[in-house]
Amino acid sequence: MIDETVEEIRAMQSHSSSVVAVKATRALRELLDREFTSVEAYERTLEHNAGALRRANPSHASLHNAMRGVLDAVVGETGSVDDAKEATARAIDEVVEDIEAGKHRAAVHAAETFSDGETFLTHDYSSTVMEAVRTACAEGAELTAYCTEARPRYLGRKSAREMAQVEGLETHLMVDGAAGIHLSEVDRVVLGMTCIVNERYYNRVGTFPIVAAAQHEGVPVTVVGSGAKIIEDGFQFENEYRSPIEVLLEPAEGFEIENPAYDETPVDLIDRVITDQGVRTY
């Protein structure tokens, strides 16, 4: 299961960073069914597998924090294999609960910021943004959403399909390059986040030009996500470069294809960041 999860994360079959972190953390339960000759052997195996899961996508701060949270609770903290396994099981439950509760609280806080009749633009797919929108509409808000496709993997189409099912939400899907055109029609931009590290905001590629254009046009930008994705130190973001096949099916002859998964935005272009801990401004 751990090896399968590593491959799944590498293939980005689960694109939400919070979903990836939960899946990786739960995968460590496989170790609880194995036999070990000593607590040291168990800890080495736990560290090895947590490291493999973390390296499967080094761009995800929530994955980094999840693996670190389990290791800190177990390594050097027990005197027997059984105790180490019990500590691991508790740590897995606590880490998963913190991730899921953090997402939910952030979504609740974000839902409170939507006004009836508001029009917003969003990019990519964020489960936290989606929950916030559903909550706001369930509480009576009538909203209009403009969703980019988020090429080349078209994750924004998932946003549009899900939003189209929400009562009280009028949904529009557009190509990424049309974002600047529709900025004049929206009240704000609402985005999820991969992470914020050292005052740099990382999110799905295409985010930076939308935020920069919004700043130029005077359209406020709100970022929503768990506070666990905001890292002050101990984490180095590494961009992922995806397969050229996602961009062009036929062979590239005489040119190179660039397909970065994420881009970087200075946080001073963002009006506010809503997390489970409240609202941050930079």
Protein backbone atom coordinates (compact mmCIF):
# COMPACT_ATOMS: atom_id res chain seq x y z
CA MET A 1 0.00 0.00 0.00
CA ILE A 2 2.83 2.44 0.80
CA ASP A 3 4.54 1.80 -2.54
CA GLU A 4 1.22 2.20 -4.35
CA THR A 5 0.56 5.47 -2.54
CA VAL A 6 4.02 6.77 -3.46
CA GLU A 7 3.33 6.03 -7.11
CA GLU A 8 -0.13 7.57 -6.92
CA ILE A 9 1.27 10.77 -5.43
CA ARG A 10 3.98 10.90 -8.10
CA ALA A 11 1.34 10.47 -10.79
CA MET A 12 -0.75 13.21 -9.15
CA GLN A 13 -3.88 11.06 -9.28
CA SER A 14 -4.85 12.83 -6.04
CA HIS A 15 -4.18 16.48 -6.85
CA SER A 16 -5.41 18.14 -3.64
CA SER A 17 -2.41 18.58 -1.35
CA SER A 18 -4.56 17.94 1.73
CA VAL A 19 -5.97 14.75 0.22
CA VAL A 20 -2.43 13.65 -0.62
CA ALA A 21 -1.28 14.30 2.95
CA VAL A 22 -4.16 12.29 4.42
CA LYS A 23 -3.65 9.42 1.99
CA ALA A 24 0.09 9.29 2.73
CA THR A 25 -0.45 9.39 6.49
CA ARG A 26 -3.00 6.60 6.41
CA ALA A 27 -0.68 4.51 4.24
CA LEU A 28 1.74 4.29 7.17
CA ARG A 29 -0.76 2.03 8.93
CA GLU A 30 0.62 -0.79 6.79
CA LEU A 31 3.65 -0.87 9.11
CA LEU A 32 1.46 -1.76 12.08
CA ASP A 33 0.88 -5.23 10.62
CA ARG A 34 4.56 -6.03 10.08
CA GLU A 35 6.89 -7.84 12.47
CA PHE A 36 10.03 -6.12 13.79
CA THR A 37 12.88 -7.43 15.91
CA SER A 38 13.46 -4.17 17.78
CA VAL A 39 12.03 -0.69 18.24
CA GLU A 40 15.10 0.66 16.42
CA ALA A 41 14.29 -1.47 13.38
CA TYR A 42 10.70 -0.25 13.46
CA GLU A 43 11.75 3.40 13.70
CA ARG A 44 14.19 3.02 10.79
CA THR A 45 11.43 1.50 8.65
CA LEU A 46 8.99 4.23 9.66
CA GLU A 47 11.51 6.94 8.79
CA HIS A 48 12.32 5.28 5.47
CA ASN A 49 8.68 5.00 4.40
CA ALA A 50 7.71 8.46 5.65
CA GLY A 51 10.67 9.84 3.71
CA ALA A 52 9.62 8.00 0.55
CA LEU A 53 6.09 9.36 0.84
CA ARG A 54 7.36 12.88 1.48
CA ARG A 55 9.75 12.76 -1.48
CA ALA A 56 6.94 11.57 -3.77
CA ASN A 57 5.85 15.21 -3.97
CA PRO A 58 8.30 17.62 -2.33
CA SER A 59 6.15 20.59 -3.37
CA HIS A 60 3.39 19.75 -0.86
CA ALA A 61 4.00 21.40 2.48
CA SER A 62 1.02 19.63 4.05
CA LEU A 63 2.56 16.28 3.11
CA HIS A 64 5.87 17.34 4.63
CA ASN A 65 4.15 18.43 7.85
CA ALA A 66 2.07 15.25 8.06
CA MET A 67 5.09 12.96 7.82
CA ARG A 68 7.02 15.14 10.25
CA GLY A 69 4.13 15.04 12.70
CA VAL A 70 4.04 11.22 12.77
CA LEU A 71 7.82 10.87 13.09
CA ASP A 72 8.08 13.44 15.89
CA ALA A 73 5.44 11.56 17.88
CA VAL A 74 7.15 8.17 17.54
CA VAL A 75 10.89 8.23 16.92
CA GLY A 76 12.80 8.20 20.21
CA GLU A 77 9.60 8.36 22.24
CA THR A 78 8.97 4.69 23.08
CA GLY A 79 10.86 1.67 24.39
CA SER A 80 9.22 -1.25 22.58
CA VAL A 81 7.84 -2.17 19.19
CA ASP A 82 4.31 -2.46 20.56
CA ASP A 83 4.50 0.95 22.19
CA ALA A 84 5.92 2.45 19.00
CA LYS A 85 3.08 0.98 16.98
CA GLU A 86 0.51 2.34 19.41
CA ALA A 87 2.15 5.77 19.24
CA THR A 88 2.11 5.57 15.44
CA ALA A 89 -1.58 4.70 15.35
CA ARG A 90 -2.40 7.63 17.64
CA ALA A 91 -0.22 10.00 15.63
CA ILE A 92 -1.84 8.95 12.35
CA ASP A 93 -5.32 9.58 13.75
CA GLU A 94 -4.28 12.95 15.19
CA VAL A 95 -2.52 14.13 12.03
CA VAL A 96 -5.45 13.13 9.79
CA GLU A 97 -7.93 14.78 12.14
CA ASP A 98 -5.86 17.98 12.24
CA ILE A 99 -5.66 18.13 8.43
CA GLU A 100 -9.35 17.49 7.88
CA ALA A 101 -10.48 19.73 10.73
CA GLY A 102 -8.13 22.48 9.55
CA LYS A 103 -9.57 22.34 6.03
CA HIS A 104 -13.11 22.43 7.37
CA ARG A 105 -12.49 25.36 9.70
CA ALA A 106 -10.78 27.31 6.92
CA ALA A 107 -13.78 26.64 4.65
CA VAL A 108 -16.20 27.81 7.36
CA HIS A 109 -14.23 31.04 7.84
CA ALA A 110 -14.11 31.58 4.07
CA ALA A 111 -17.84 30.91 3.66
CA GLU A 112 -18.57 33.78 6.03
CA THR A 113 -16.81 36.21 3.68
CA PHE A 114 -19.12 35.58 0.70
CA SER A 115 -21.83 38.16 0.15
CA ASP A 116 -25.20 37.48 -1.45
CA GLY A 117 -24.96 38.35 -5.14
CA GLU A 118 -21.16 38.14 -5.22
CA THR A 119 -19.29 37.11 -8.38
CA PHE A 120 -15.87 35.50 -8.01
CA LEU A 121 -13.18 34.00 -10.21
CA THR A 122 -11.29 30.85 -9.22
CA HIS A 123 -8.44 28.85 -10.72
CA ASP A 124 -7.65 25.13 -10.53
CA TYR A 125 -9.50 22.91 -8.05
CA SER A 126 -9.47 23.43 -4.29
CA SER A 127 -11.55 21.18 -2.06
CA THR A 128 -11.45 23.88 0.64
CA VAL A 129 -12.73 26.58 -1.70
CA MET A 130 -15.39 24.17 -2.90
CA GLU A 131 -16.58 23.51 0.64
CA ALA A 132 -16.64 27.24 1.39
CA VAL A 133 -18.78 27.92 -1.67
CA ARG A 134 -21.18 25.08 -0.87
CA THR A 135 -21.53 26.33 2.70
CA ALA A 136 -22.16 29.92 1.63
CA CYS A 137 -24.85 28.83 -0.84
CA ALA A 138 -26.43 26.47 1.69
CA GLU A 139 -26.77 29.45 4.01
CA GLY A 140 -28.68 31.38 1.36
CA ALA A 141 -26.08 33.24 -0.69
CA GLU A 142 -26.67 33.52 -4.44
CA LEU A 143 -23.25 33.48 -6.15
CA THR A 144 -21.70 33.50 -9.61
CA ALA A 145 -18.43 31.69 -10.32
CA TYR A 146 -15.98 31.99 -13.21
CA CYS A 147 -13.70 28.93 -13.34
CA THR A 148 -10.56 28.66 -15.43
CA GLU A 149 -9.81 25.30 -17.05
CA ALA A 150 -6.40 25.15 -15.30
CA ARG A 151 -4.57 23.71 -18.28
CA PRO A 152 -2.92 21.42 -19.16
CA ARG A 153 -4.60 18.96 -16.79
CA TYR A 154 -7.92 20.82 -16.85
CA LEU A 155 -8.52 20.55 -13.12
CA GLY A 156 -10.72 23.63 -13.31
CA ARG A 157 -13.25 21.59 -15.25
CA LYS A 158 -13.76 19.55 -12.08
CA SER A 159 -14.45 22.78 -10.20
CA ALA A 160 -17.01 23.83 -12.80
CA ARG A 161 -18.76 20.45 -12.80
CA GLU A 162 -19.06 20.39 -9.02
CA MET A 163 -20.10 24.02 -8.77
CA ALA A 164 -22.76 23.46 -11.42
CA GLN A 165 -24.44 21.06 -8.97
CA VAL A 166 -24.65 23.66 -6.19
CA GLU A 167 -28.05 25.30 -5.83
CA GLY A 168 -27.79 29.06 -5.90
CA LEU A 169 -24.49 29.09 -7.82
CA GLU A 170 -24.31 30.22 -11.46
CA THR A 171 -21.17 28.72 -13.01
CA HIS A 172 -19.07 29.72 -16.02
CA LEU A 173 -16.07 27.80 -17.41
CA MET A 174 -13.41 29.61 -19.43
CA VAL A 175 -9.98 29.03 -20.90
CA ASP A 176 -7.11 30.24 -18.71
CA GLY A 177 -6.21 33.06 -21.08
CA ALA A 178 -9.67 34.62 -20.68
CA ALA A 179 -9.19 35.34 -16.98
CA GLY A 180 -8.08 38.92 -17.63
CA ILE A 181 -11.15 39.60 -19.72
CA HIS A 182 -13.54 38.47 -17.01
CA LEU A 183 -11.78 40.21 -14.12
CA SER A 184 -13.90 43.30 -14.83
CA GLU A 185 -17.00 41.20 -14.10
CA VAL A 186 -15.97 39.79 -10.71
CA ASP A 187 -15.88 41.17 -7.19
CA ARG A 188 -12.82 39.20 -6.19
CA VAL A 189 -10.57 36.25 -6.97
CA VAL A 190 -10.82 33.27 -4.58
CA LEU A 191 -8.05 30.67 -4.70
CA GLY A 192 -6.84 27.63 -2.82
CA MET A 193 -3.18 27.11 -2.03
CA THR A 194 -0.50 24.52 -2.26
CA CYS A 195 1.55 26.34 0.35
CA ILE A 196 3.03 29.64 1.49
CA VAL A 197 6.74 29.47 2.27
CA ASN A 198 8.85 32.44 3.32
CA GLU A 199 6.25 34.91 2.06
CA ARG A 200 5.97 33.25 -1.35
CA TYR A 201 2.61 31.81 -2.36
CA TYR A 202 2.77 28.60 -4.40
CA ASN A 203 -0.23 27.31 -6.31
CA ARG A 204 -1.22 25.67 -9.60
CA VAL A 205 0.62 27.18 -12.57
CA GLY A 206 -1.35 30.08 -14.00
CA THR A 207 -2.08 31.55 -10.58
CA PHE A 208 0.56 34.29 -10.73
CA PRO A 209 -0.68 35.98 -13.93
CA ILE A 210 -4.25 35.96 -12.58
CA VAL A 211 -3.18 37.51 -9.27
CA ALA A 212 -0.93 40.06 -11.01
CA ALA A 213 -3.73 41.05 -13.38
CA ALA A 214 -6.19 41.30 -10.48
CA GLN A 215 -3.76 43.56 -8.61
CA HIS A 216 -3.48 45.80 -11.67
CA GLU A 217 -7.26 45.95 -12.06
CA GLY A 218 -7.90 46.56 -8.37
CA VAL A 219 -9.71 43.25 -7.84
CA PRO A 220 -9.03 41.81 -4.38
CA VAL A 221 -7.54 38.33 -4.05
CA THR A 222 -8.47 35.91 -1.27
CA VAL A 223 -6.50 32.71 -0.65
CA VAL A 224 -8.09 29.89 1.36
CA GLY A 225 -6.43 26.87 2.98
CA SER A 226 -5.31 25.13 6.14
CA GLY A 227 -2.81 27.00 8.28
CA ALA A 228 -0.63 23.88 8.13
CA LYS A 229 0.27 24.91 4.58
CA ILE A 230 1.96 28.09 5.78
CA ILE A 231 5.59 27.28 6.57
CA GLU A 232 8.05 29.66 8.18
CA ASP A 233 11.10 27.39 8.10
CA GLY A 234 12.25 23.78 7.67
CA PHE A 235 10.72 23.29 4.24
CA GLN A 236 12.11 24.00 0.79
CA PHE A 237 9.56 24.16 -1.98
CA GLU A 238 10.49 22.14 -5.07
CA ASN A 239 8.49 22.66 -8.23
CA GLU A 240 7.34 19.65 -10.20
CA TYR A 241 7.77 19.43 -13.94
CA ARG A 242 5.10 17.27 -15.50
CA SER A 243 5.24 15.09 -18.59
CA PRO A 244 5.36 16.93 -21.97
CA ILE A 245 2.57 14.60 -23.12
CA GLU A 246 0.13 16.64 -21.02
CA VAL A 247 0.85 19.60 -23.29
CA LEU A 248 1.39 17.98 -26.69
CA LEU A 249 0.57 14.42 -27.73
CA GLU A 250 2.79 14.33 -30.81
CA PRO A 251 6.60 14.47 -30.54
CA ALA A 252 8.13 17.91 -30.04
CA GLU A 253 10.51 18.41 -32.96
CA GLY A 254 13.02 21.23 -32.66
CA PHE A 255 11.67 22.66 -29.40
CA GLU A 256 11.39 21.84 -25.71
CA ILE A 257 8.11 21.65 -23.81
CA GLU A 258 7.96 23.32 -20.40
CA ASN A 259 5.26 22.01 -18.10
CA PRO A 260 5.74 23.22 -14.50
CA ALA A 261 2.99 22.21 -12.08
CA TYR A 262 3.11 25.33 -9.89
CA ASP A 263 4.08 28.97 -9.98
CA GLU A 264 5.17 31.47 -7.36
CA THR A 265 3.42 34.66 -6.31
CA PRO A 266 4.68 37.30 -3.85
CA VAL A 267 2.29 37.40 -0.89
CA ASP A 268 2.10 41.19 -1.02
CA LEU A 269 -0.12 40.79 -4.09
CA ILE A 270 -2.69 38.93 -1.96
CA ASP A 271 -5.25 40.86 0.05
CA ARG A 272 -5.93 38.18 2.65
CA VAL A 273 -5.29 34.54 3.45
CA ILE A 274 -8.10 32.72 5.26
CA THR A 275 -7.06 29.68 7.31
CA ASP A 276 -8.49 27.61 10.14
CA GLN A 277 -6.74 30.05 12.48
CA GLY A 278 -8.44 33.11 11.04
CA VAL A 279 -7.42 35.78 8.54
CA ARG A 280 -3.84 36.71 7.68
CA THR A 281 -2.72 39.81 5.82
CA TYR A 282 0.76 40.47 4.50
